[in-house]
Amino acid sequence: MRIVNFKEFVELPSGTIFSYYEPDVYVGLFRKEDTIYDSWENSKSKEAIDYFQVSLLPQTDFNQEFFGLKERWGEFSWEQQYAIYEESDLQILRKLIG
């Protein structure tokens, strides 16, 4: 597992498995989807500003369970850090889940 910042995170490919990270705290389990870039026609550089994600854990809202819904991050907290699960981490998770 490795910890990355926002700029590193948005460069990772779709399908990357991650959790939000704060020192000593891991939140959720997600799959990264497409990165959203600043797409103003007159912009000289396309800067990553957002991304889509899918929660891999069930979410309950109004007594209904939702799973696998694609959602936009939309927090714009550029200091956010991410715990990136590497292949060895995913193998351990697979064994734990069964």
PDB file of N, CA and C in Angstrom:
ATOM      1  N   MET A   1       0.856  -1.168   0.000  1.00  0.00           N
ATOM      2  CA  MET A   1       0.000   0.000   0.000  1.00  0.00           C
ATOM      3  C   MET A   1       0.901   1.229   0.000  1.00  0.00           C
ATOM      4  N   ARG A   2       0.455   2.228  -0.727  1.00  0.00           N
ATOM      5  CA  ARG A   2       1.216   3.473  -0.735  1.00  0.00           C
ATOM      6  C   ARG A   2       0.258   4.650  -0.619  1.00  0.00           C
ATOM      7  N   ILE A   3       0.765   5.732  -0.107  1.00  0.00           N
ATOM      8  CA  ILE A   3      -0.028   6.943   0.096  1.00  0.00           C
ATOM      9  C   ILE A   3       0.364   7.949  -0.984  1.00  0.00           C
ATOM     10  N   VAL A   4      -0.653   8.521  -1.647  1.00  0.00           N
ATOM     11  CA  VAL A   4      -0.397   9.511  -2.694  1.00  0.00           C
ATOM     12  C   VAL A   4      -1.256  10.749  -2.452  1.00  0.00           C
ATOM     13  N   ASN A   5      -0.852  11.854  -3.076  1.00  0.00           N
ATOM     14  CA  ASN A   5      -1.634  13.085  -2.983  1.00  0.00           C
ATOM     15  C   ASN A   5      -2.587  13.183  -4.179  1.00  0.00           C
ATOM     16  N   PHE A   6      -3.356  14.252  -4.241  1.00  0.00           N
ATOM     17  CA  PHE A   6      -4.364  14.405  -5.293  1.00  0.00           C
ATOM     18  C   PHE A   6      -3.751  14.374  -6.688  1.00  0.00           C
ATOM     19  N   LYS A   7      -2.677  15.129  -6.897  1.00  0.00           N
ATOM     20  CA  LYS A   7      -2.079  15.191  -8.240  1.00  0.00           C
ATOM     21  C   LYS A   7      -1.585  13.825  -8.703  1.00  0.00           C
ATOM     22  N   GLU A   8      -1.020  13.047  -7.796  1.00  0.00           N
ATOM     23  CA  GLU A   8      -0.576  11.697  -8.147  1.00  0.00           C
ATOM     24  C   GLU A   8      -1.784  10.788  -8.393  1.00  0.00           C
ATOM     25  N   PHE A   9      -2.802  10.950  -7.562  1.00  0.00           N
ATOM     26  CA  PHE A   9      -3.981  10.090  -7.642  1.00  0.00           C
ATOM     27  C   PHE A   9      -4.691  10.201  -8.985  1.00  0.00           C
ATOM     28  N   VAL A  10      -4.922  11.431  -9.445  1.00  0.00           N
ATOM     29  CA  VAL A  10      -5.697  11.607 -10.676  1.00  0.00           C
ATOM     30  C   VAL A  10      -4.962  11.083 -11.907  1.00  0.00           C
ATOM     31  N   GLU A  11      -3.664  10.848 -11.800  1.00  0.00           N
ATOM     32  CA  GLU A  11      -2.898  10.279 -12.911  1.00  0.00           C
ATOM     33  C   GLU A  11      -2.978   8.752 -12.947  1.00  0.00           C
ATOM     34  N   LEU A  12      -3.504   8.140 -11.889  1.00  0.00           N
ATOM     35  CA  LEU A  12      -3.627   6.685 -11.844  1.00  0.00           C
ATOM     36  C   LEU A  12      -4.746   6.228 -12.777  1.00  0.00           C
ATOM     37  N   PRO A  13      -4.660   5.014 -13.284  1.00  0.00           N
ATOM     38  CA  PRO A  13      -5.673   4.538 -14.232  1.00  0.00           C
ATOM     39  C   PRO A  13      -7.017   4.239 -13.571  1.00  0.00           C
ATOM     40  N   SER A  14      -8.059   4.269 -14.376  1.00  0.00           N
ATOM     41  CA  SER A  14      -9.369   3.809 -13.914  1.00  0.00           C
ATOM     42  C   SER A  14      -9.221   2.365 -13.468  1.00  0.00           C
ATOM     43  N   GLY A  15      -9.944   2.004 -12.414  1.00  0.00           N
ATOM     44  CA  GLY A  15      -9.852   0.648 -11.880  1.00  0.00           C
ATOM     45  C   GLY A  15      -8.950   0.549 -10.664  1.00  0.00           C
ATOM     46  N   THR A  16      -8.219   1.617 -10.351  1.00  0.00           N
ATOM     47  CA  THR A  16      -7.362   1.626  -9.164  1.00  0.00           C
ATOM     48  C   THR A  16      -8.231   1.525  -7.915  1.00  0.00           C
ATOM     49  N   ILE A  17      -7.864   0.645  -6.986  1.00  0.00           N
ATOM     50  CA  ILE A  17      -8.605   0.466  -5.731  1.00  0.00           C
ATOM     51  C   ILE A  17      -7.939   1.330  -4.666  1.00  0.00           C
ATOM     52  N   PHE A  18      -8.762   2.085  -3.909  1.00  0.00           N
ATOM     53  CA  PHE A  18      -8.198   3.017  -2.933  1.00  0.00           C
ATOM     54  C   PHE A  18      -9.137   3.243  -1.760  1.00  0.00           C
ATOM     55  N   SER A  19      -8.568   3.839  -0.716  1.00  0.00           N
ATOM     56  CA  SER A  19      -9.319   4.361   0.427  1.00  0.00           C
ATOM     57  C   SER A  19      -8.866   5.797   0.630  1.00  0.00           C
ATOM     58  N   TYR A  20      -9.728   6.611   1.202  1.00  0.00           N
ATOM     59  CA  TYR A  20      -9.294   7.941   1.606  1.00  0.00           C
ATOM     60  C   TYR A  20      -8.396   7.768   2.816  1.00  0.00           C
ATOM     61  N   TYR A  21      -7.367   8.599   2.915  1.00  0.00           N
ATOM     62  CA  TYR A  21      -6.392   8.443   3.984  1.00  0.00           C
ATOM     63  C   TYR A  21      -6.224   9.742   4.754  1.00  0.00           C
ATOM     64  N   GLU A  22      -6.287   9.619   6.062  1.00  0.00           N
ATOM     65  CA  GLU A  22      -5.866  10.660   6.990  1.00  0.00           C
ATOM     66  C   GLU A  22      -4.913   9.940   7.919  1.00  0.00           C
ATOM     67  N   PRO A  23      -3.944  10.606   8.491  1.00  0.00           N
ATOM     68  CA  PRO A  23      -2.977   9.877   9.320  1.00  0.00           C
ATOM     69  C   PRO A  23      -3.651   8.874  10.264  1.00  0.00           C
ATOM     70  N   ASP A  24      -3.296   7.613  10.080  1.00  0.00           N
ATOM     71  CA  ASP A  24      -3.776   6.488  10.889  1.00  0.00           C
ATOM     72  C   ASP A  24      -5.240   6.133  10.667  1.00  0.00           C
ATOM     73  N   VAL A  25      -5.892   6.705   9.673  1.00  0.00           N
ATOM     74  CA  VAL A  25      -7.302   6.399   9.413  1.00  0.00           C
ATOM     75  C   VAL A  25      -7.495   6.144   7.919  1.00  0.00           C
ATOM     76  N   TYR A  26      -8.132   5.017   7.594  1.00  0.00           N
ATOM     77  CA  TYR A  26      -8.488   4.683   6.216  1.00  0.00           C
ATOM     78  C   TYR A  26     -10.012   4.702   6.134  1.00  0.00           C
ATOM     79  N   VAL A  27     -10.554   5.397   5.142  1.00  0.00           N
ATOM     80  CA  VAL A  27     -12.003   5.548   5.037  1.00  0.00           C
ATOM     81  C   VAL A  27     -12.494   4.959   3.718  1.00  0.00           C
ATOM     82  N   GLY A  28     -13.415   3.985   3.816  1.00  0.00           N
ATOM     83  CA  GLY A  28     -14.063   3.418   2.642  1.00  0.00           C
ATOM     84  C   GLY A  28     -13.159   2.536   1.804  1.00  0.00           C
ATOM     85  N   LEU A  29     -13.752   1.967   0.786  1.00  0.00           N
ATOM     86  CA  LEU A  29     -13.038   1.169  -0.207  1.00  0.00           C
ATOM     87  C   LEU A  29     -13.689   1.490  -1.546  1.00  0.00           C
ATOM     88  N   PHE A  30     -12.909   2.066  -2.455  1.00  0.00           N
ATOM     89  CA  PHE A  30     -13.439   2.599  -3.704  1.00  0.00           C
ATOM     90  C   PHE A  30     -12.627   2.123  -4.899  1.00  0.00           C
ATOM     91  N   ARG A  31     -13.257   2.212  -6.070  1.00  0.00           N
ATOM     92  CA  ARG A  31     -12.568   2.002  -7.342  1.00  0.00           C
ATOM     93  C   ARG A  31     -12.575   3.337  -8.077  1.00  0.00           C
ATOM     94  N   LYS A  32     -11.403   3.799  -8.465  1.00  0.00           N
ATOM     95  CA  LYS A  32     -11.297   5.045  -9.221  1.00  0.00           C
ATOM     96  C   LYS A  32     -11.810   4.819 -10.633  1.00  0.00           C
ATOM     97  N   GLU A  33     -12.545   5.793 -11.126  1.00  0.00           N
ATOM     98  CA  GLU A  33     -13.024   5.775 -12.505  1.00  0.00           C
ATOM     99  C   GLU A  33     -12.344   6.925 -13.255  1.00  0.00           C
ATOM    100  N   ASP A  34     -13.006   7.491 -14.236  1.00  0.00           N
ATOM    101  CA  ASP A  34     -12.400   8.514 -15.088  1.00  0.00           C
ATOM    102  C   ASP A  34     -12.032   9.777 -14.327  1.00  0.00           C
ATOM    103  N   THR A  35     -10.928  10.382 -14.744  1.00  0.00           N
ATOM    104  CA  THR A  35     -10.505  11.683 -14.235  1.00  0.00           C
ATOM    105  C   THR A  35     -11.201  12.763 -15.051  1.00  0.00           C
ATOM    106  N   ILE A  36     -11.592  13.845 -14.382  1.00  0.00           N
ATOM    107  CA  ILE A  36     -12.242  14.980 -15.044  1.00  0.00           C
ATOM    108  C   ILE A  36     -11.224  16.111 -15.117  1.00  0.00           C
ATOM    109  N   TYR A  37     -11.057  16.658 -16.309  1.00  0.00           N
ATOM    110  CA  TYR A  37     -10.082  17.726 -16.520  1.00  0.00           C
ATOM    111  C   TYR A  37     -10.785  19.052 -16.740  1.00  0.00           C
ATOM    112  N   ASP A  38     -10.079  20.136 -16.396  1.00  0.00           N
ATOM    113  CA  ASP A  38     -10.540  21.478 -16.708  1.00  0.00           C
ATOM    114  C   ASP A  38     -10.562  21.564 -18.229  1.00  0.00           C
ATOM    115  N   SER A  39     -11.718  21.763 -18.792  1.00  0.00           N
ATOM    116  CA  SER A  39     -11.821  21.653 -20.251  1.00  0.00           C
ATOM    117  C   SER A  39     -12.255  22.950 -20.928  1.00  0.00           C
ATOM    118  N   TRP A  40     -11.933  24.084 -20.321  1.00  0.00           N
ATOM    119  CA  TRP A  40     -12.255  25.340 -20.988  1.00  0.00           C
ATOM    120  C   TRP A  40     -11.527  25.381 -22.318  1.00  0.00           C
ATOM    121  N   GLU A  41     -12.217  25.756 -23.360  1.00  0.00           N
ATOM    122  CA  GLU A  41     -11.618  25.745 -24.694  1.00  0.00           C
ATOM    123  C   GLU A  41     -10.377  26.618 -24.779  1.00  0.00           C
ATOM    124  N   ASN A  42     -10.350  27.718 -24.058  1.00  0.00           N
ATOM    125  CA  ASN A  42      -9.215  28.631 -24.143  1.00  0.00           C
ATOM    126  C   ASN A  42      -8.107  28.291 -23.156  1.00  0.00           C
ATOM    127  N   SER A  43      -8.303  27.261 -22.359  1.00  0.00           N
ATOM    128  CA  SER A  43      -7.283  26.883 -21.385  1.00  0.00           C
ATOM    129  C   SER A  43      -6.085  26.277 -22.108  1.00  0.00           C
ATOM    130  N   LYS A  44      -4.898  26.756 -21.774  1.00  0.00           N
ATOM    131  CA  LYS A  44      -3.690  26.244 -22.422  1.00  0.00           C
ATOM    132  C   LYS A  44      -3.276  24.904 -21.840  1.00  0.00           C
ATOM    133  N   SER A  45      -3.630  24.660 -20.595  1.00  0.00           N
ATOM    134  CA  SER A  45      -3.265  23.374 -19.991  1.00  0.00           C
ATOM    135  C   SER A  45      -4.516  22.739 -19.407  1.00  0.00           C
ATOM    136  N   LYS A  46      -4.640  21.446 -19.601  1.00  0.00           N
ATOM    137  CA  LYS A  46      -5.778  20.725 -19.029  1.00  0.00           C
ATOM    138  C   LYS A  46      -5.348  20.196 -17.674  1.00  0.00           C
ATOM    139  N   GLU A  47      -5.936  20.740 -16.641  1.00  0.00           N
ATOM    140  CA  GLU A  47      -5.593  20.360 -15.277  1.00  0.00           C
ATOM    141  C   GLU A  47      -6.678  19.441 -14.716  1.00  0.00           C
ATOM    142  N   ALA A  48      -6.252  18.362 -14.062  1.00  0.00           N
ATOM    143  CA  ALA A  48      -7.211  17.456 -13.427  1.00  0.00           C
ATOM    144  C   ALA A  48      -7.865  18.175 -12.255  1.00  0.00           C
ATOM    145  N   ILE A  49      -9.206  18.153 -12.220  1.00  0.00           N
ATOM    146  CA  ILE A  49      -9.915  18.872 -11.169  1.00  0.00           C
ATOM    147  C   ILE A  49     -10.872  17.987 -10.376  1.00  0.00           C
ATOM    148  N   ASP A  50     -11.158  16.791 -10.859  1.00  0.00           N
ATOM    149  CA  ASP A  50     -12.157  15.951 -10.210  1.00  0.00           C
ATOM    150  C   ASP A  50     -12.037  14.542 -10.779  1.00  0.00           C
ATOM    151  N   TYR A  51     -12.837  13.631 -10.264  1.00  0.00           N
ATOM    152  CA  TYR A  51     -12.846  12.262 -10.780  1.00  0.00           C
ATOM    153  C   TYR A  51     -14.131  11.577 -10.362  1.00  0.00           C
ATOM    154  N   PHE A  52     -14.401  10.443 -10.996  1.00  0.00           N
ATOM    155  CA  PHE A  52     -15.517   9.594 -10.619  1.00  0.00           C
ATOM    156  C   PHE A  52     -14.988   8.428  -9.799  1.00  0.00           C
ATOM    157  N   GLN A  53     -15.848   7.896  -8.938  1.00  0.00           N
ATOM    158  CA  GLN A  53     -15.481   6.751  -8.106  1.00  0.00           C
ATOM    159  C   GLN A  53     -16.697   5.859  -7.920  1.00  0.00           C
ATOM    160  N   VAL A  54     -16.428   4.601  -7.578  1.00  0.00           N
ATOM    161  CA  VAL A  54     -17.479   3.638  -7.254  1.00  0.00           C
ATOM    162  C   VAL A  54     -17.138   3.055  -5.901  1.00  0.00           C
ATOM    163  N   SER A  55     -18.082   3.120  -4.953  1.00  0.00           N
ATOM    164  CA  SER A  55     -17.870   2.504  -3.649  1.00  0.00           C
ATOM    165  C   SER A  55     -17.968   0.993  -3.796  1.00  0.00           C
ATOM    166  N   LEU A  56     -17.027   0.285  -3.198  1.00  0.00           N
ATOM    167  CA  LEU A  56     -17.045  -1.175  -3.224  1.00  0.00           C
ATOM    168  C   LEU A  56     -17.701  -1.747  -1.976  1.00  0.00           C
ATOM    169  N   LEU A  57     -18.160  -0.860  -1.105  1.00  0.00           N
ATOM    170  CA  LEU A  57     -18.882  -1.266   0.102  1.00  0.00           C
ATOM    171  C   LEU A  57     -20.325  -0.801  -0.032  1.00  0.00           C
ATOM    172  N   PRO A  58     -21.288  -1.585   0.449  1.00  0.00           N
ATOM    173  CA  PRO A  58     -22.690  -1.164   0.356  1.00  0.00           C
ATOM    174  C   PRO A  58     -22.937   0.128   1.133  1.00  0.00           C
ATOM    175  N   GLN A  59     -23.795   0.967   0.586  1.00  0.00           N
ATOM    176  CA  GLN A  59     -24.189   2.204   1.249  1.00  0.00           C
ATOM    177  C   GLN A  59     -25.692   2.165   1.470  1.00  0.00           C
ATOM    178  N   THR A  60     -26.129   2.556   2.645  1.00  0.00           N
ATOM    179  CA  THR A  60     -27.551   2.538   2.962  1.00  0.00           C
ATOM    180  C   THR A  60     -28.071   3.965   3.026  1.00  0.00           C
ATOM    181  N   ASP A  61     -29.194   4.196   2.367  1.00  0.00           N
ATOM    182  CA  ASP A  61     -29.828   5.503   2.381  1.00  0.00           C
ATOM    183  C   ASP A  61     -31.337   5.280   2.357  1.00  0.00           C
ATOM    184  N   PHE A  62     -32.039   5.822   3.317  1.00  0.00           N
ATOM    185  CA  PHE A  62     -33.488   5.670   3.412  1.00  0.00           C
ATOM    186  C   PHE A  62     -33.900   4.198   3.377  1.00  0.00           C
ATOM    187  N   ASN A  63     -33.163   3.391   4.120  1.00  0.00           N
ATOM    188  CA  ASN A  63     -33.434   1.959   4.262  1.00  0.00           C
ATOM    189  C   ASN A  63     -33.304   1.172   2.959  1.00  0.00           C
ATOM    190  N   GLN A  64     -32.645   1.729   1.978  1.00  0.00           N
ATOM    191  CA  GLN A  64     -32.360   1.002   0.744  1.00  0.00           C
ATOM    192  C   GLN A  64     -30.850   0.867   0.620  1.00  0.00           C
ATOM    193  N   GLU A  65     -30.405  -0.285   0.162  1.00  0.00           N
ATOM    194  CA  GLU A  65     -28.977  -0.508   0.014  1.00  0.00           C
ATOM    195  C   GLU A  65     -28.557  -0.239  -1.425  1.00  0.00           C
ATOM    196  N   PHE A  66     -27.527   0.572  -1.575  1.00  0.00           N
ATOM    197  CA  PHE A  66     -26.980   0.897  -2.886  1.00  0.00           C
ATOM    198  C   PHE A  66     -25.582   0.321  -2.976  1.00  0.00           C
ATOM    199  N   PHE A  67     -25.251  -0.242  -4.117  1.00  0.00           N
ATOM    200  CA  PHE A  67     -23.941  -0.836  -4.292  1.00  0.00           C
ATOM    201  C   PHE A  67     -23.468  -0.574  -5.711  1.00  0.00           C
ATOM    202  N   GLY A  68     -22.252  -0.119  -5.832  1.00  0.00           N
ATOM    203  CA  GLY A  68     -21.647   0.031  -7.148  1.00  0.00           C
ATOM    204  C   GLY A  68     -22.124   1.213  -7.964  1.00  0.00           C
ATOM    205  N   LEU A  69     -22.646   2.250  -7.314  1.00  0.00           N
ATOM    206  CA  LEU A  69     -23.085   3.431  -8.048  1.00  0.00           C
ATOM    207  C   LEU A  69     -21.891   4.332  -8.345  1.00  0.00           C
ATOM    208  N   LYS A  70     -21.795   4.769  -9.578  1.00  0.00           N
ATOM    209  CA  LYS A  70     -20.729   5.682  -9.971  1.00  0.00           C
ATOM    210  C   LYS A  70     -21.102   7.073  -9.482  1.00  0.00           C
ATOM    211  N   GLU A  71     -20.160   7.720  -8.795  1.00  0.00           N
ATOM    212  CA  GLU A  71     -20.426   9.058  -8.275  1.00  0.00           C
ATOM    213  C   GLU A  71     -19.222   9.954  -8.501  1.00  0.00           C
ATOM    214  N   ARG A  72     -19.485  11.237  -8.508  1.00  0.00           N
ATOM    215  CA  ARG A  72     -18.420  12.214  -8.683  1.00  0.00           C
ATOM    216  C   ARG A  72     -17.866  12.571  -7.313  1.00  0.00           C
ATOM    217  N   TRP A  73     -16.554  12.710  -7.212  1.00  0.00           N
ATOM    218  CA  TRP A  73     -15.912  13.064  -5.942  1.00  0.00           C
ATOM    219  C   TRP A  73     -16.387  14.439  -5.498  1.00  0.00           C
ATOM    220  N   GLY A  74     -16.067  15.496  -6.229  1.00  0.00           N
ATOM    221  CA  GLY A  74     -16.604  16.829  -6.012  1.00  0.00           C
ATOM    222  C   GLY A  74     -16.255  17.515  -4.710  1.00  0.00           C
ATOM    223  N   GLU A  75     -15.233  17.061  -4.002  1.00  0.00           N
ATOM    224  CA  GLU A  75     -14.878  17.683  -2.723  1.00  0.00           C
ATOM    225  C   GLU A  75     -13.949  18.876  -2.897  1.00  0.00           C
ATOM    226  N   PHE A  76     -13.098  18.820  -3.887  1.00  0.00           N
ATOM    227  CA  PHE A  76     -12.133  19.873  -4.185  1.00  0.00           C
ATOM    228  C   PHE A  76     -11.232  20.188  -2.999  1.00  0.00           C
ATOM    229  N   SER A  77     -10.877  19.165  -2.264  1.00  0.00           N
ATOM    230  CA  SER A  77      -9.925  19.279  -1.158  1.00  0.00           C
ATOM    231  C   SER A  77      -8.582  18.795  -1.686  1.00  0.00           C
ATOM    232  N   TRP A  78      -7.807  19.724  -2.228  1.00  0.00           N
ATOM    233  CA  TRP A  78      -6.578  19.370  -2.938  1.00  0.00           C
ATOM    234  C   TRP A  78      -5.537  18.743  -2.017  1.00  0.00           C
ATOM    235  N   GLU A  79      -5.707  18.862  -0.719  1.00  0.00           N
ATOM    236  CA  GLU A  79      -4.771  18.261   0.235  1.00  0.00           C
ATOM    237  C   GLU A  79      -5.127  16.809   0.550  1.00  0.00           C
ATOM    238  N   GLN A  80      -6.222  16.312  -0.007  1.00  0.00           N
ATOM    239  CA  GLN A  80      -6.660  14.942   0.254  1.00  0.00           C
ATOM    240  C   GLN A  80      -5.542  13.956  -0.074  1.00  0.00           C
ATOM    241  N   GLN A  81      -5.402  12.940   0.776  1.00  0.00           N
ATOM    242  CA  GLN A  81      -4.453  11.865   0.514  1.00  0.00           C
ATOM    243  C   GLN A  81      -5.229  10.568   0.313  1.00  0.00           C
ATOM    244  N   TYR A  82      -4.607   9.633  -0.393  1.00  0.00           N
ATOM    245  CA  TYR A  82      -5.253   8.383  -0.769  1.00  0.00           C
ATOM    246  C   TYR A  82      -4.331   7.214  -0.462  1.00  0.00           C
ATOM    247  N   ALA A  83      -4.910   6.148   0.066  1.00  0.00           N
ATOM    248  CA  ALA A  83      -4.179   4.896   0.261  1.00  0.00           C
ATOM    249  C   ALA A  83      -4.473   4.032  -0.961  1.00  0.00           C
ATOM    250  N   ILE A  84      -3.451   3.723  -1.724  1.00  0.00           N
ATOM    251  CA  ILE A  84      -3.594   2.946  -2.952  1.00  0.00           C
ATOM    252  C   ILE A  84      -3.268   1.492  -2.654  1.00  0.00           C
ATOM    253  N   TYR A  85      -4.217   0.613  -2.948  1.00  0.00           N
ATOM    254  CA  TYR A  85      -4.020  -0.820  -2.724  1.00  0.00           C
ATOM    255  C   TYR A  85      -3.275  -1.400  -3.919  1.00  0.00           C
ATOM    256  N   GLU A  86      -2.145  -2.024  -3.644  1.00  0.00           N
ATOM    257  CA  GLU A  86      -1.363  -2.667  -4.690  1.00  0.00           C
ATOM    258  C   GLU A  86      -1.766  -4.134  -4.778  1.00  0.00           C
ATOM    259  N   GLU A  87      -1.242  -4.832  -5.763  1.00  0.00           N
ATOM    260  CA  GLU A  87      -1.662  -6.210  -6.021  1.00  0.00           C
ATOM    261  C   GLU A  87      -1.534  -7.100  -4.790  1.00  0.00           C
ATOM    262  N   SER A  88      -0.446  -6.981  -4.047  1.00  0.00           N
ATOM    263  CA  SER A  88      -0.278  -7.821  -2.848  1.00  0.00           C
ATOM    264  C   SER A  88      -1.354  -7.513  -1.800  1.00  0.00           C
ATOM    265  N   ASP A  89      -1.757  -6.255  -1.682  1.00  0.00           N
ATOM    266  CA  ASP A  89      -2.831  -5.876  -0.755  1.00  0.00           C
ATOM    267  C   ASP A  89      -4.158  -6.483  -1.199  1.00  0.00           C
ATOM    268  N   LEU A  90      -4.412  -6.449  -2.501  1.00  0.00           N
ATOM    269  CA  LEU A  90      -5.665  -6.989  -3.032  1.00  0.00           C
ATOM    270  C   LEU A  90      -5.738  -8.501  -2.863  1.00  0.00           C
ATOM    271  N   GLN A  91      -4.604  -9.173  -2.975  1.00  0.00           N
ATOM    272  CA  GLN A  91      -4.584 -10.624  -2.745  1.00  0.00           C
ATOM    273  C   GLN A  91      -4.949 -10.943  -1.298  1.00  0.00           C
ATOM    274  N   ILE A  92      -4.456 -10.162  -0.357  1.00  0.00           N
ATOM    275  CA  ILE A  92      -4.800 -10.355   1.059  1.00  0.00           C
ATOM    276  C   ILE A  92      -6.291 -10.118   1.270  1.00  0.00           C
ATOM    277  N   LEU A  93      -6.831  -9.058   0.669  1.00  0.00           N
ATOM    278  CA  LEU A  93      -8.268  -8.781   0.785  1.00  0.00           C
ATOM    279  C   LEU A  93      -9.098  -9.936   0.231  1.00  0.00           C
ATOM    280  N   ARG A  94      -8.689 -10.471  -0.912  1.00  0.00           N
ATOM    281  CA  ARG A  94      -9.419 -11.602  -1.506  1.00  0.00           C
ATOM    282  C   ARG A  94      -9.451 -12.795  -0.555  1.00  0.00           C
ATOM    283  N   LYS A  95      -8.326 -13.078   0.091  1.00  0.00           N
ATOM    284  CA  LYS A  95      -8.261 -14.198   1.037  1.00  0.00           C
ATOM    285  C   LYS A  95      -9.154 -13.943   2.248  1.00  0.00           C
ATOM    286  N   LEU A  96      -9.170 -12.703   2.730  1.00  0.00           N
ATOM    287  CA  LEU A  96      -9.992 -12.370   3.895  1.00  0.00           C
ATOM    288  C   LEU A  96     -11.483 -12.466   3.582  1.00  0.00           C
ATOM    289  N   ILE A  97     -11.853 -12.042   2.386  1.00  0.00           N
ATOM    290  CA  ILE A  97     -13.262 -12.068   1.989  1.00  0.00           C
ATOM    291  C   ILE A  97     -13.711 -13.489   1.684  1.00  0.00           C
ATOM    292  N   GLY A  98     -12.809 -14.268   1.134  1.00  0.00           N
ATOM    293  CA  GLY A  98     -13.110 -15.676   0.855  1.00  0.00           C
ATOM    294  C   GLY A  98     -13.556 -15.867  -0.512  1.00  0.00           C
TER     295      GLY A  98
END
